[in-house]
Amino acid sequence: MLDYTYIISKWALEDEFLSPIHQASLLKERGLIAVEITDEELELFENLQAKYLRLSIYDTVALTIAKSRKIVLLTGDKALRNAATAEGVEPRGLLWITDQLYSLHLISQTDHRSCVTASVNCQ
């Protein structure tokens, strides 16, 4: 397991991971932390939502949390990566995770290559 803390808004976790039903509890068992957004973050959310019309509500919440808490944003979404960069938030994606897993010998070189190839082919 990678030695990072992963957070998600409580709201997104409840809405996004309803199927399969056990997915949310499995992610929590593996270290995912569900957080509430603060009143200040709600105001930031509203500003970001008005500024980035292409982002979903969940993406805007993720950007809000990352920006207000000064943390890295993990995403594979291009529009969200672009908004994060514009807001001074460092975005990271699937290839970063794959590289981390490989560098710590948690996946084989073959698995690493497969992940990279699959990611490149999907773009």
PDB file of N, CA and C in Angstrom:
ATOM      1  N   MET A   1       0.840  -1.169   0.000  1.00  0.00           N
ATOM      2  CA  MET A   1       0.000   0.000   0.000  1.00  0.00           C
ATOM      3  C   MET A   1       0.894   1.244   0.000  1.00  0.00           C
ATOM      4  N   LEU A   2       0.459   2.270  -0.711  1.00  0.00           N
ATOM      5  CA  LEU A   2       1.203   3.517  -0.740  1.00  0.00           C
ATOM      6  C   LEU A   2       0.968   4.290   0.549  1.00  0.00           C
ATOM      7  N   ASP A   3       2.013   4.962   1.004  1.00  0.00           N
ATOM      8  CA  ASP A   3       1.955   5.667   2.277  1.00  0.00           C
ATOM      9  C   ASP A   3       1.475   7.109   2.091  1.00  0.00           C
ATOM     10  N   TYR A   4       0.217   7.234   1.686  1.00  0.00           N
ATOM     11  CA  TYR A   4      -0.407   8.530   1.491  1.00  0.00           C
ATOM     12  C   TYR A   4      -1.764   8.504   2.166  1.00  0.00           C
ATOM     13  N   THR A   5      -2.272   9.692   2.458  1.00  0.00           N
ATOM     14  CA  THR A   5      -3.626   9.814   2.973  1.00  0.00           C
ATOM     15  C   THR A   5      -4.519  10.221   1.813  1.00  0.00           C
ATOM     16  N   TYR A   6      -5.579   9.491   1.596  1.00  0.00           N
ATOM     17  CA  TYR A   6      -6.523   9.775   0.519  1.00  0.00           C
ATOM     18  C   TYR A   6      -7.825  10.248   1.137  1.00  0.00           C
ATOM     19  N   ILE A   7      -8.304  11.418   0.680  1.00  0.00           N
ATOM     20  CA  ILE A   7      -9.562  11.925   1.212  1.00  0.00           C
ATOM     21  C   ILE A   7     -10.552  12.178   0.084  1.00  0.00           C
ATOM     22  N   ILE A   8     -11.798  12.159   0.433  1.00  0.00           N
ATOM     23  CA  ILE A   8     -12.894  12.422  -0.482  1.00  0.00           C
ATOM     24  C   ILE A   8     -13.982  13.116   0.325  1.00  0.00           C
ATOM     25  N   SER A   9     -14.786  13.924  -0.333  1.00  0.00           N
ATOM     26  CA  SER A   9     -15.873  14.539   0.429  1.00  0.00           C
ATOM     27  C   SER A   9     -16.861  13.443   0.826  1.00  0.00           C
ATOM     28  N   LYS A  10     -17.385  13.568   2.009  1.00  0.00           N
ATOM     29  CA  LYS A  10     -18.360  12.594   2.514  1.00  0.00           C
ATOM     30  C   LYS A  10     -19.540  12.476   1.543  1.00  0.00           C
ATOM     31  N   TRP A  11     -19.951  13.605   1.033  1.00  0.00           N
ATOM     32  CA  TRP A  11     -21.060  13.678   0.095  1.00  0.00           C
ATOM     33  C   TRP A  11     -20.760  12.873  -1.177  1.00  0.00           C
ATOM     34  N   ALA A  12     -19.561  13.064  -1.746  1.00  0.00           N
ATOM     35  CA  ALA A  12     -19.185  12.336  -2.961  1.00  0.00           C
ATOM     36  C   ALA A  12     -19.079  10.842  -2.692  1.00  0.00           C
ATOM     37  N   LEU A  13     -18.523  10.478  -1.561  1.00  0.00           N
ATOM     38  CA  LEU A  13     -18.388   9.057  -1.234  1.00  0.00           C
ATOM     39  C   LEU A  13     -19.752   8.392  -1.150  1.00  0.00           C
ATOM     40  N   GLU A  14     -20.686   9.048  -0.487  1.00  0.00           N
ATOM     41  CA  GLU A  14     -22.025   8.467  -0.336  1.00  0.00           C
ATOM     42  C   GLU A  14     -22.757   8.378  -1.675  1.00  0.00           C
ATOM     43  N   ASP A  15     -22.606   9.388  -2.517  1.00  0.00           N
ATOM     44  CA  ASP A  15     -23.315   9.406  -3.794  1.00  0.00           C
ATOM     45  C   ASP A  15     -22.624   8.609  -4.889  1.00  0.00           C
ATOM     46  N   GLU A  16     -21.313   8.673  -4.956  1.00  0.00           N
ATOM     47  CA  GLU A  16     -20.571   8.079  -6.059  1.00  0.00           C
ATOM     48  C   GLU A  16     -20.374   6.576  -5.911  1.00  0.00           C
ATOM     49  N   PHE A  17     -20.255   6.084  -4.704  1.00  0.00           N
ATOM     50  CA  PHE A  17     -19.897   4.686  -4.517  1.00  0.00           C
ATOM     51  C   PHE A  17     -21.046   3.845  -3.974  1.00  0.00           C
ATOM     52  N   LEU A  18     -22.211   4.039  -4.515  1.00  0.00           N
ATOM     53  CA  LEU A  18     -23.362   3.255  -4.079  1.00  0.00           C
ATOM     54  C   LEU A  18     -23.404   1.873  -4.714  1.00  0.00           C
ATOM     55  N   SER A  19     -22.710   1.689  -5.817  1.00  0.00           N
ATOM     56  CA  SER A  19     -22.745   0.406  -6.517  1.00  0.00           C
ATOM     57  C   SER A  19     -21.322  -0.005  -6.881  1.00  0.00           C
ATOM     58  N   PRO A  20     -20.847  -1.181  -6.535  1.00  0.00           N
ATOM     59  CA  PRO A  20     -21.528  -2.089  -5.619  1.00  0.00           C
ATOM     60  C   PRO A  20     -21.540  -1.525  -4.202  1.00  0.00           C
ATOM     61  N   ILE A  21     -22.499  -1.928  -3.459  1.00  0.00           N
ATOM     62  CA  ILE A  21     -22.791  -1.342  -2.159  1.00  0.00           C
ATOM     63  C   ILE A  21     -21.619  -1.431  -1.175  1.00  0.00           C
ATOM     64  N   HIS A  22     -20.812  -2.479  -1.275  1.00  0.00           N
ATOM     65  CA  HIS A  22     -19.707  -2.658  -0.329  1.00  0.00           C
ATOM     66  C   HIS A  22     -18.474  -1.827  -0.689  1.00  0.00           C
ATOM     67  N   GLN A  23     -18.470  -1.168  -1.840  1.00  0.00           N
ATOM     68  CA  GLN A  23     -17.292  -0.445  -2.309  1.00  0.00           C
ATOM     69  C   GLN A  23     -16.857   0.650  -1.338  1.00  0.00           C
ATOM     70  N   ALA A  24     -17.773   1.448  -0.836  1.00  0.00           N
ATOM     71  CA  ALA A  24     -17.421   2.541   0.073  1.00  0.00           C
ATOM     72  C   ALA A  24     -16.771   2.015   1.347  1.00  0.00           C
ATOM     73  N   SER A  25     -17.331   0.970   1.920  1.00  0.00           N
ATOM     74  CA  SER A  25     -16.750   0.440   3.156  1.00  0.00           C
ATOM     75  C   SER A  25     -15.378  -0.186   2.892  1.00  0.00           C
ATOM     76  N   LEU A  26     -15.202  -0.810   1.737  1.00  0.00           N
ATOM     77  CA  LEU A  26     -13.907  -1.394   1.383  1.00  0.00           C
ATOM     78  C   LEU A  26     -12.852  -0.291   1.240  1.00  0.00           C
ATOM     79  N   LEU A  27     -13.213   0.800   0.584  1.00  0.00           N
ATOM     80  CA  LEU A  27     -12.278   1.913   0.431  1.00  0.00           C
ATOM     81  C   LEU A  27     -11.927   2.539   1.777  1.00  0.00           C
ATOM     82  N   LYS A  28     -12.905   2.661   2.663  1.00  0.00           N
ATOM     83  CA  LYS A  28     -12.644   3.204   4.000  1.00  0.00           C
ATOM     84  C   LYS A  28     -11.708   2.283   4.776  1.00  0.00           C
ATOM     85  N   GLU A  29     -11.913   0.978   4.655  1.00  0.00           N
ATOM     86  CA  GLU A  29     -11.042   0.010   5.326  1.00  0.00           C
ATOM     87  C   GLU A  29      -9.605   0.137   4.840  1.00  0.00           C
ATOM     88  N   ARG A  30      -9.445   0.520   3.595  1.00  0.00           N
ATOM     89  CA  ARG A  30      -8.113   0.655   3.005  1.00  0.00           C
ATOM     90  C   ARG A  30      -7.527   2.049   3.177  1.00  0.00           C
ATOM     91  N   GLY A  31      -8.208   2.904   3.956  1.00  0.00           N
ATOM     92  CA  GLY A  31      -7.621   4.179   4.328  1.00  0.00           C
ATOM     93  C   GLY A  31      -8.243   5.427   3.748  1.00  0.00           C
ATOM     94  N   LEU A  32      -9.265   5.301   2.912  1.00  0.00           N
ATOM     95  CA  LEU A  32      -9.914   6.491   2.374  1.00  0.00           C
ATOM     96  C   LEU A  32     -10.657   7.206   3.496  1.00  0.00           C
ATOM     97  N   ILE A  33     -10.452   8.513   3.597  1.00  0.00           N
ATOM     98  CA  ILE A  33     -11.083   9.305   4.648  1.00  0.00           C
ATOM     99  C   ILE A  33     -12.133  10.216   4.022  1.00  0.00           C
ATOM    100  N   ALA A  34     -13.347  10.125   4.519  1.00  0.00           N
ATOM    101  CA  ALA A  34     -14.431  10.995   4.049  1.00  0.00           C
ATOM    102  C   ALA A  34     -14.470  12.230   4.937  1.00  0.00           C
ATOM    103  N   VAL A  35     -14.472  13.413   4.304  1.00  0.00           N
ATOM    104  CA  VAL A  35     -14.452  14.667   5.068  1.00  0.00           C
ATOM    105  C   VAL A  35     -15.657  15.536   4.708  1.00  0.00           C
ATOM    106  N   GLU A  36     -16.058  16.346   5.656  1.00  0.00           N
ATOM    107  CA  GLU A  36     -17.090  17.358   5.434  1.00  0.00           C
ATOM    108  C   GLU A  36     -16.395  18.612   4.921  1.00  0.00           C
ATOM    109  N   ILE A  37     -17.080  19.384   4.079  1.00  0.00           N
ATOM    110  CA  ILE A  37     -16.488  20.661   3.694  1.00  0.00           C
ATOM    111  C   ILE A  37     -16.936  21.731   4.684  1.00  0.00           C
ATOM    112  N   THR A  38     -16.040  22.663   4.929  1.00  0.00           N
ATOM    113  CA  THR A  38     -16.301  23.731   5.895  1.00  0.00           C
ATOM    114  C   THR A  38     -17.141  24.833   5.250  1.00  0.00           C
ATOM    115  N   ASP A  39     -17.593  25.767   6.054  1.00  0.00           N
ATOM    116  CA  ASP A  39     -18.338  26.917   5.535  1.00  0.00           C
ATOM    117  C   ASP A  39     -17.475  27.732   4.562  1.00  0.00           C
ATOM    118  N   GLU A  40     -16.204  27.897   4.914  1.00  0.00           N
ATOM    119  CA  GLU A  40     -15.295  28.628   4.026  1.00  0.00           C
ATOM    120  C   GLU A  40     -15.116  27.870   2.712  1.00  0.00           C
ATOM    121  N   GLU A  41     -15.021  26.555   2.787  1.00  0.00           N
ATOM    122  CA  GLU A  41     -14.878  25.752   1.573  1.00  0.00           C
ATOM    123  C   GLU A  41     -16.148  25.803   0.727  1.00  0.00           C
ATOM    124  N   LEU A  42     -17.290  25.911   1.358  1.00  0.00           N
ATOM    125  CA  LEU A  42     -18.540  26.028   0.616  1.00  0.00           C
ATOM    126  C   LEU A  42     -18.548  27.312  -0.213  1.00  0.00           C
ATOM    127  N   GLU A  43     -18.051  28.377   0.361  1.00  0.00           N
ATOM    128  CA  GLU A  43     -17.962  29.640  -0.377  1.00  0.00           C
ATOM    129  C   GLU A  43     -16.978  29.505  -1.551  1.00  0.00           C
ATOM    130  N   LEU A  44     -15.833  28.872  -1.302  1.00  0.00           N
ATOM    131  CA  LEU A  44     -14.858  28.637  -2.370  1.00  0.00           C
ATOM    132  C   LEU A  44     -15.464  27.748  -3.454  1.00  0.00           C
ATOM    133  N   PHE A  45     -16.189  26.711  -3.049  1.00  0.00           N
ATOM    134  CA  PHE A  45     -16.867  25.824  -3.990  1.00  0.00           C
ATOM    135  C   PHE A  45     -17.769  26.614  -4.935  1.00  0.00           C
ATOM    136  N   GLU A  46     -18.566  27.510  -4.377  1.00  0.00           N
ATOM    137  CA  GLU A  46     -19.487  28.310  -5.193  1.00  0.00           C
ATOM    138  C   GLU A  46     -18.724  29.170  -6.201  1.00  0.00           C
ATOM    139  N   ASN A  47     -17.610  29.748  -5.772  1.00  0.00           N
ATOM    140  CA  ASN A  47     -16.790  30.559  -6.677  1.00  0.00           C
ATOM    141  C   ASN A  47     -16.171  29.704  -7.785  1.00  0.00           C
ATOM    142  N   LEU A  48     -15.645  28.535  -7.414  1.00  0.00           N
ATOM    143  CA  LEU A  48     -15.037  27.658  -8.405  1.00  0.00           C
ATOM    144  C   LEU A  48     -16.072  27.086  -9.364  1.00  0.00           C
ATOM    145  N   GLN A  49     -17.252  26.798  -8.859  1.00  0.00           N
ATOM    146  CA  GLN A  49     -18.319  26.253  -9.708  1.00  0.00           C
ATOM    147  C   GLN A  49     -18.728  27.283 -10.769  1.00  0.00           C
ATOM    148  N   ALA A  50     -18.777  28.538 -10.386  1.00  0.00           N
ATOM    149  CA  ALA A  50     -19.119  29.602 -11.341  1.00  0.00           C
ATOM    150  C   ALA A  50     -17.999  29.822 -12.351  1.00  0.00           C
ATOM    151  N   LYS A  51     -16.762  29.584 -11.939  1.00  0.00           N
ATOM    152  CA  LYS A  51     -15.601  29.809 -12.800  1.00  0.00           C
ATOM    153  C   LYS A  51     -15.350  28.659 -13.776  1.00  0.00           C
ATOM    154  N   TYR A  52     -15.585  27.427 -13.323  1.00  0.00           N
ATOM    155  CA  TYR A  52     -15.285  26.237 -14.137  1.00  0.00           C
ATOM    156  C   TYR A  52     -16.582  25.483 -14.437  1.00  0.00           C
ATOM    157  N   LEU A  53     -17.280  25.955 -15.419  1.00  0.00           N
ATOM    158  CA  LEU A  53     -18.607  25.413 -15.745  1.00  0.00           C
ATOM    159  C   LEU A  53     -18.562  23.989 -16.276  1.00  0.00           C
ATOM    160  N   ARG A  54     -17.429  23.552 -16.803  1.00  0.00           N
ATOM    161  CA  ARG A  54     -17.319  22.210 -17.372  1.00  0.00           C
ATOM    162  C   ARG A  54     -17.114  21.127 -16.309  1.00  0.00           C
ATOM    163  N   LEU A  55     -16.761  21.527 -15.097  1.00  0.00           N
ATOM    164  CA  LEU A  55     -16.521  20.544 -14.036  1.00  0.00           C
ATOM    165  C   LEU A  55     -17.835  20.061 -13.440  1.00  0.00           C
ATOM    166  N   SER A  56     -17.862  18.786 -13.089  1.00  0.00           N
ATOM    167  CA  SER A  56     -19.021  18.257 -12.374  1.00  0.00           C
ATOM    168  C   SER A  56     -19.012  18.805 -10.945  1.00  0.00           C
ATOM    169  N   ILE A  57     -20.098  18.616 -10.265  1.00  0.00           N
ATOM    170  CA  ILE A  57     -20.175  19.043  -8.867  1.00  0.00           C
ATOM    171  C   ILE A  57     -19.113  18.332  -8.033  1.00  0.00           C
ATOM    172  N   TYR A  58     -18.965  17.024  -8.257  1.00  0.00           N
ATOM    173  CA  TYR A  58     -17.977  16.258  -7.479  1.00  0.00           C
ATOM    174  C   TYR A  58     -16.558  16.714  -7.780  1.00  0.00           C
ATOM    175  N   ASP A  59     -16.269  17.006  -9.049  1.00  0.00           N
ATOM    176  CA  ASP A  59     -14.941  17.495  -9.404  1.00  0.00           C
ATOM    177  C   ASP A  59     -14.671  18.854  -8.754  1.00  0.00           C
ATOM    178  N   THR A  60     -15.676  19.705  -8.729  1.00  0.00           N
ATOM    179  CA  THR A  60     -15.517  21.016  -8.108  1.00  0.00           C
ATOM    180  C   THR A  60     -15.304  20.883  -6.605  1.00  0.00           C
ATOM    181  N   VAL A  61     -15.984  19.946  -5.978  1.00  0.00           N
ATOM    182  CA  VAL A  61     -15.776  19.697  -4.544  1.00  0.00           C
ATOM    183  C   VAL A  61     -14.346  19.207  -4.308  1.00  0.00           C
ATOM    184  N   ALA A  62     -13.875  18.294  -5.155  1.00  0.00           N
ATOM    185  CA  ALA A  62     -12.508  17.784  -5.011  1.00  0.00           C
ATOM    186  C   ALA A  62     -11.489  18.907  -5.164  1.00  0.00           C
ATOM    187  N   LEU A  63     -11.689  19.770  -6.151  1.00  0.00           N
ATOM    188  CA  LEU A  63     -10.799  20.904  -6.354  1.00  0.00           C
ATOM    189  C   LEU A  63     -10.853  21.855  -5.157  1.00  0.00           C
ATOM    190  N   THR A  64     -12.042  22.086  -4.646  1.00  0.00           N
ATOM    191  CA  THR A  64     -12.215  22.945  -3.472  1.00  0.00           C
ATOM    192  C   THR A  64     -11.418  22.425  -2.286  1.00  0.00           C
ATOM    193  N   ILE A  65     -11.557  21.134  -2.012  1.00  0.00           N
ATOM    194  CA  ILE A  65     -10.847  20.534  -0.875  1.00  0.00           C
ATOM    195  C   ILE A  65      -9.331  20.622  -1.076  1.00  0.00           C
ATOM    196  N   ALA A  66      -8.876  20.273  -2.278  1.00  0.00           N
ATOM    197  CA  ALA A  66      -7.437  20.301  -2.545  1.00  0.00           C
ATOM    198  C   ALA A  66      -6.870  21.716  -2.416  1.00  0.00           C
ATOM    199  N   LYS A  67      -7.582  22.681  -2.953  1.00  0.00           N
ATOM    200  CA  LYS A  67      -7.096  24.065  -2.901  1.00  0.00           C
ATOM    201  C   LYS A  67      -7.109  24.608  -1.476  1.00  0.00           C
ATOM    202  N   SER A  68      -8.214  24.429  -0.775  1.00  0.00           N
ATOM    203  CA  SER A  68      -8.316  25.023   0.556  1.00  0.00           C
ATOM    204  C   SER A  68      -7.400  24.347   1.569  1.00  0.00           C
ATOM    205  N   ARG A  69      -7.138  23.053   1.376  1.00  0.00           N
ATOM    206  CA  ARG A  69      -6.292  22.321   2.337  1.00  0.00           C
ATOM    207  C   ARG A  69      -4.849  22.189   1.870  1.00  0.00           C
ATOM    208  N   LYS A  70      -4.578  22.779   0.677  1.00  0.00           N
ATOM    209  CA  LYS A  70      -3.220  22.785   0.123  1.00  0.00           C
ATOM    210  C   LYS A  70      -2.659  21.370  -0.012  1.00  0.00           C
ATOM    211  N   ILE A  71      -3.446  20.526  -0.681  1.00  0.00           N
ATOM    212  CA  ILE A  71      -3.032  19.137  -0.894  1.00  0.00           C
ATOM    213  C   ILE A  71      -3.068  18.811  -2.389  1.00  0.00           C
ATOM    214  N   VAL A  72      -2.403  17.739  -2.750  1.00  0.00           N
ATOM    215  CA  VAL A  72      -2.365  17.258  -4.128  1.00  0.00           C
ATOM    216  C   VAL A  72      -3.747  16.745  -4.517  1.00  0.00           C
ATOM    217  N   LEU A  73      -4.113  16.940  -5.784  1.00  0.00           N
ATOM    218  CA  LEU A  73      -5.396  16.457  -6.302  1.00  0.00           C
ATOM    219  C   LEU A  73      -5.141  15.267  -7.211  1.00  0.00           C
ATOM    220  N   LEU A  74      -5.700  14.141  -6.874  1.00  0.00           N
ATOM    221  CA  LEU A  74      -5.554  12.923  -7.668  1.00  0.00           C
ATOM    222  C   LEU A  74      -6.731  12.814  -8.620  1.00  0.00           C
ATOM    223  N   THR A  75      -6.454  12.879  -9.931  1.00  0.00           N
ATOM    224  CA  THR A  75      -7.525  12.842 -10.924  1.00  0.00           C
ATOM    225  C   THR A  75      -7.001  12.353 -12.264  1.00  0.00           C
ATOM    226  N   GLY A  76      -7.886  11.795 -13.036  1.00  0.00           N
ATOM    227  CA  GLY A  76      -7.589  11.432 -14.411  1.00  0.00           C
ATOM    228  C   GLY A  76      -8.348  12.300 -15.392  1.00  0.00           C
ATOM    229  N   ASP A  77      -9.079  13.268 -14.885  1.00  0.00           N
ATOM    230  CA  ASP A  77      -9.929  14.111 -15.703  1.00  0.00           C
ATOM    231  C   ASP A  77      -9.155  15.335 -16.204  1.00  0.00           C
ATOM    232  N   LYS A  78      -9.105  15.513 -17.530  1.00  0.00           N
ATOM    233  CA  LYS A  78      -8.314  16.600 -18.113  1.00  0.00           C
ATOM    234  C   LYS A  78      -8.826  17.978 -17.696  1.00  0.00           C
ATOM    235  N   ALA A  79     -10.138  18.187 -17.739  1.00  0.00           N
ATOM    236  CA  ALA A  79     -10.685  19.490 -17.357  1.00  0.00           C
ATOM    237  C   ALA A  79     -10.366  19.806 -15.898  1.00  0.00           C
ATOM    238  N   LEU A  80     -10.436  18.805 -15.046  1.00  0.00           N
ATOM    239  CA  LEU A  80     -10.123  19.013 -13.627  1.00  0.00           C
ATOM    240  C   LEU A  80      -8.632  19.280 -13.434  1.00  0.00           C
ATOM    241  N   ARG A  81      -7.784  18.555 -14.162  1.00  0.00           N
ATOM    242  CA  ARG A  81      -6.335  18.815 -14.080  1.00  0.00           C
ATOM    243  C   ARG A  81      -6.029  20.259 -14.493  1.00  0.00           C
ATOM    244  N   ASN A  82      -6.657  20.694 -15.583  1.00  0.00           N
ATOM    245  CA  ASN A  82      -6.420  22.063 -16.060  1.00  0.00           C
ATOM    246  C   ASN A  82      -6.884  23.103 -15.046  1.00  0.00           C
ATOM    247  N   ALA A  83      -8.058  22.889 -14.461  1.00  0.00           N
ATOM    248  CA  ALA A  83      -8.571  23.821 -13.450  1.00  0.00           C
ATOM    249  C   ALA A  83      -7.666  23.816 -12.225  1.00  0.00           C
ATOM    250  N   ALA A  84      -7.221  22.642 -11.809  1.00  0.00           N
ATOM    251  CA  ALA A  84      -6.332  22.545 -10.649  1.00  0.00           C
ATOM    252  C   ALA A  84      -5.051  23.335 -10.888  1.00  0.00           C
ATOM    253  N   THR A  85      -4.458  23.150 -12.041  1.00  0.00           N
ATOM    254  CA  THR A  85      -3.225  23.861 -12.370  1.00  0.00           C
ATOM    255  C   THR A  85      -3.460  25.372 -12.353  1.00  0.00           C
ATOM    256  N   ALA A  86      -4.569  25.801 -12.934  1.00  0.00           N
ATOM    257  CA  ALA A  86      -4.901  27.231 -12.954  1.00  0.00           C
ATOM    258  C   ALA A  86      -5.097  27.788 -11.549  1.00  0.00           C
ATOM    259  N   GLU A  87      -5.543  26.941 -10.614  1.00  0.00           N
ATOM    260  CA  GLU A  87      -5.789  27.371  -9.232  1.00  0.00           C
ATOM    261  C   GLU A  87      -4.588  27.156  -8.320  1.00  0.00           C
ATOM    262  N   GLY A  88      -3.461  26.724  -8.897  1.00  0.00           N
ATOM    263  CA  GLY A  88      -2.263  26.520  -8.085  1.00  0.00           C
ATOM    264  C   GLY A  88      -2.262  25.221  -7.296  1.00  0.00           C
ATOM    265  N   VAL A  89      -3.103  24.273  -7.714  1.00  0.00           N
ATOM    266  CA  VAL A  89      -3.183  22.963  -7.055  1.00  0.00           C
ATOM    267  C   VAL A  89      -2.419  21.962  -7.911  1.00  0.00           C
ATOM    268  N   GLU A  90      -1.585  21.143  -7.286  1.00  0.00           N
ATOM    269  CA  GLU A  90      -0.821  20.140  -8.025  1.00  0.00           C
ATOM    270  C   GLU A  90      -1.692  18.926  -8.335  1.00  0.00           C
ATOM    271  N   PRO A  91      -1.949  18.655  -9.632  1.00  0.00           N
ATOM    272  CA  PRO A  91      -2.711  17.455  -9.980  1.00  0.00           C
ATOM    273  C   PRO A  91      -1.775  16.278 -10.258  1.00  0.00           C
ATOM    274  N   ARG A  92      -2.206  15.102  -9.878  1.00  0.00           N
ATOM    275  CA  ARG A  92      -1.482  13.868 -10.200  1.00  0.00           C
ATOM    276  C   ARG A  92      -2.507  12.854 -10.686  1.00  0.00           C
ATOM    277  N   GLY A  93      -2.039  11.905 -11.492  1.00  0.00           N
ATOM    278  CA  GLY A  93      -2.964  10.958 -12.086  1.00  0.00           C
ATOM    279  C   GLY A  93      -2.516   9.516 -12.013  1.00  0.00           C
ATOM    280  N   LEU A  94      -3.115   8.691 -12.856  1.00  0.00           N
ATOM    281  CA  LEU A  94      -2.901   7.247 -12.866  1.00  0.00           C
ATOM    282  C   LEU A  94      -1.434   6.880 -13.079  1.00  0.00           C
ATOM    283  N   LEU A  95      -0.773   7.564 -13.995  1.00  0.00           N
ATOM    284  CA  LEU A  95       0.629   7.227 -14.254  1.00  0.00           C
ATOM    285  C   LEU A  95       1.496   7.491 -13.029  1.00  0.00           C
ATOM    286  N   TRP A  96       1.184   8.527 -12.275  1.00  0.00           N
ATOM    287  CA  TRP A  96       1.931   8.803 -11.049  1.00  0.00           C
ATOM    288  C   TRP A  96       1.749   7.663 -10.044  1.00  0.00           C
ATOM    289  N   ILE A  97       0.510   7.203  -9.894  1.00  0.00           N
ATOM    290  CA  ILE A  97       0.247   6.093  -8.971  1.00  0.00           C
ATOM    291  C   ILE A  97       0.991   4.847  -9.428  1.00  0.00           C
ATOM    292  N   THR A  98       0.914   4.564 -10.723  1.00  0.00           N
ATOM    293  CA  THR A  98       1.586   3.394 -11.289  1.00  0.00           C
ATOM    294  C   THR A  98       3.091   3.473 -11.037  1.00  0.00           C
ATOM    295  N   ASP A  99       3.678   4.636 -11.259  1.00  0.00           N
ATOM    296  CA  ASP A  99       5.112   4.813 -11.007  1.00  0.00           C
ATOM    297  C   ASP A  99       5.447   4.609  -9.533  1.00  0.00           C
ATOM    298  N   GLN A 100       4.599   5.115  -8.650  1.00  0.00           N
ATOM    299  CA  GLN A 100       4.811   4.930  -7.213  1.00  0.00           C
ATOM    300  C   GLN A 100       4.785   3.444  -6.839  1.00  0.00           C
ATOM    301  N   LEU A 101       3.786   2.741  -7.345  1.00  0.00           N
ATOM    302  CA  LEU A 101       3.663   1.303  -7.052  1.00  0.00           C
ATOM    303  C   LEU A 101       4.882   0.535  -7.550  1.00  0.00           C
ATOM    304  N   TYR A 102       5.337   0.874  -8.742  1.00  0.00           N
ATOM    305  CA  TYR A 102       6.491   0.190  -9.327  1.00  0.00           C
ATOM    306  C   TYR A 102       7.766   0.511  -8.549  1.00  0.00           C
ATOM    307  N   SER A 103       7.975   1.786  -8.221  1.00  0.00           N
ATOM    308  CA  SER A 103       9.211   2.170  -7.524  1.00  0.00           C
ATOM    309  C   SER A 103       9.314   1.525  -6.145  1.00  0.00           C
ATOM    310  N   LEU A 104       8.180   1.206  -5.556  1.00  0.00           N
ATOM    311  CA  LEU A 104       8.184   0.542  -4.244  1.00  0.00           C
ATOM    312  C   LEU A 104       8.093  -0.981  -4.359  1.00  0.00           C
ATOM    313  N   HIS A 105       8.204  -1.477  -5.586  1.00  0.00           N
ATOM    314  CA  HIS A 105       8.165  -2.918  -5.869  1.00  0.00           C
ATOM    315  C   HIS A 105       6.848  -3.561  -5.449  1.00  0.00           C
ATOM    316  N   LEU A 106       5.770  -2.797  -5.562  1.00  0.00           N
ATOM    317  CA  LEU A 106       4.448  -3.327  -5.233  1.00  0.00           C
ATOM    318  C   LEU A 106       3.759  -3.911  -6.462  1.00  0.00           C
ATOM    319  N   ILE A 107       4.270  -3.566  -7.643  1.00  0.00           N
ATOM    320  CA  ILE A 107       3.830  -4.197  -8.886  1.00  0.00           C
ATOM    321  C   ILE A 107       5.072  -4.540  -9.709  1.00  0.00           C
ATOM    322  N   SER A 108       4.930  -5.515 -10.581  1.00  0.00           N
ATOM    323  CA  SER A 108       6.057  -5.947 -11.412  1.00  0.00           C
ATOM    324  C   SER A 108       6.287  -4.983 -12.569  1.00  0.00           C
ATOM    325  N   GLN A 109       7.421  -5.125 -13.228  1.00  0.00           N
ATOM    326  CA  GLN A 109       7.713  -4.298 -14.397  1.00  0.00           C
ATOM    327  C   GLN A 109       6.687  -4.568 -15.498  1.00  0.00           C
ATOM    328  N   THR A 110       6.281  -5.825 -15.640  1.00  0.00           N
ATOM    329  CA  THR A 110       5.276  -6.192 -16.637  1.00  0.00           C
ATOM    330  C   THR A 110       3.952  -5.499 -16.353  1.00  0.00           C
ATOM    331  N   ASP A 111       3.517  -5.521 -15.091  1.00  0.00           N
ATOM    332  CA  ASP A 111       2.268  -4.839 -14.712  1.00  0.00           C
ATOM    333  C   ASP A 111       2.384  -3.329 -14.928  1.00  0.00           C
ATOM    334  N   HIS A 112       3.538  -2.777 -14.594  1.00  0.00           N
ATOM    335  CA  HIS A 112       3.761  -1.344 -14.787  1.00  0.00           C
ATOM    336  C   HIS A 112       3.631  -0.989 -16.266  1.00  0.00           C
ATOM    337  N   ARG A 113       4.297  -1.743 -17.114  1.00  0.00           N
ATOM    338  CA  ARG A 113       4.212  -1.485 -18.561  1.00  0.00           C
ATOM    339  C   ARG A 113       2.780  -1.616 -19.064  1.00  0.00           C
ATOM    340  N   SER A 114       2.064  -2.616 -18.570  1.00  0.00           N
ATOM    341  CA  SER A 114       0.669  -2.811 -18.989  1.00  0.00           C
ATOM    342  C   SER A 114      -0.194  -1.613 -18.607  1.00  0.00           C
ATOM    343  N   CYS A 115      -0.006  -1.107 -17.405  1.00  0.00           N
ATOM    344  CA  CYS A 115      -0.775   0.059 -16.951  1.00  0.00           C
ATOM    345  C   CYS A 115      -0.449   1.285 -17.786  1.00  0.00           C
ATOM    346  N   VAL A 116       0.822   1.497 -18.055  1.00  0.00           N
ATOM    347  CA  VAL A 116       1.233   2.660 -18.844  1.00  0.00           C
ATOM    348  C   VAL A 116       0.683   2.553 -20.257  1.00  0.00           C
ATOM    349  N   THR A 117       0.803   1.370 -20.861  1.00  0.00           N
ATOM    350  CA  THR A 117       0.289   1.157 -22.217  1.00  0.00           C
ATOM    351  C   THR A 117      -1.216   1.364 -22.275  1.00  0.00           C
ATOM    352  N   ALA A 118      -1.931   0.817 -21.310  1.00  0.00           N
ATOM    353  CA  ALA A 118      -3.393   0.971 -21.279  1.00  0.00           C
ATOM    354  C   ALA A 118      -3.768   2.436 -21.115  1.00  0.00           C
ATOM    355  N   SER A 119      -3.047   3.144 -20.273  1.00  0.00           N
ATOM    356  CA  SER A 119      -3.349   4.555 -20.051  1.00  0.00           C
ATOM    357  C   SER A 119      -3.101   5.374 -21.315  1.00  0.00           C
ATOM    358  N   VAL A 120      -1.996   5.114 -21.993  1.00  0.00           N
ATOM    359  CA  VAL A 120      -1.673   5.851 -23.224  1.00  0.00           C
ATOM    360  C   VAL A 120      -2.682   5.542 -24.322  1.00  0.00           C
ATOM    361  N   ASN A 121      -3.114   4.290 -24.409  1.00  0.00           N
ATOM    362  CA  ASN A 121      -4.072   3.889 -25.436  1.00  0.00           C
ATOM    363  C   ASN A 121      -5.462   4.475 -25.205  1.00  0.00           C
ATOM    364  N   CYS A 122      -5.775   4.833 -23.965  1.00  0.00           N
ATOM    365  CA  CYS A 122      -7.102   5.401 -23.653  1.00  0.00           C
ATOM    366  C   CYS A 122      -7.179   6.885 -23.966  1.00  0.00           C
ATOM    367  N   GLN A 123      -6.071   7.535 -24.164  1.00  0.00           N
ATOM    368  CA  GLN A 123      -6.081   8.990 -24.381  1.00  0.00           C
ATOM    369  C   GLN A 123      -6.346   9.356 -25.806  1.00  0.00           C
TER     370      GLN A 123
END
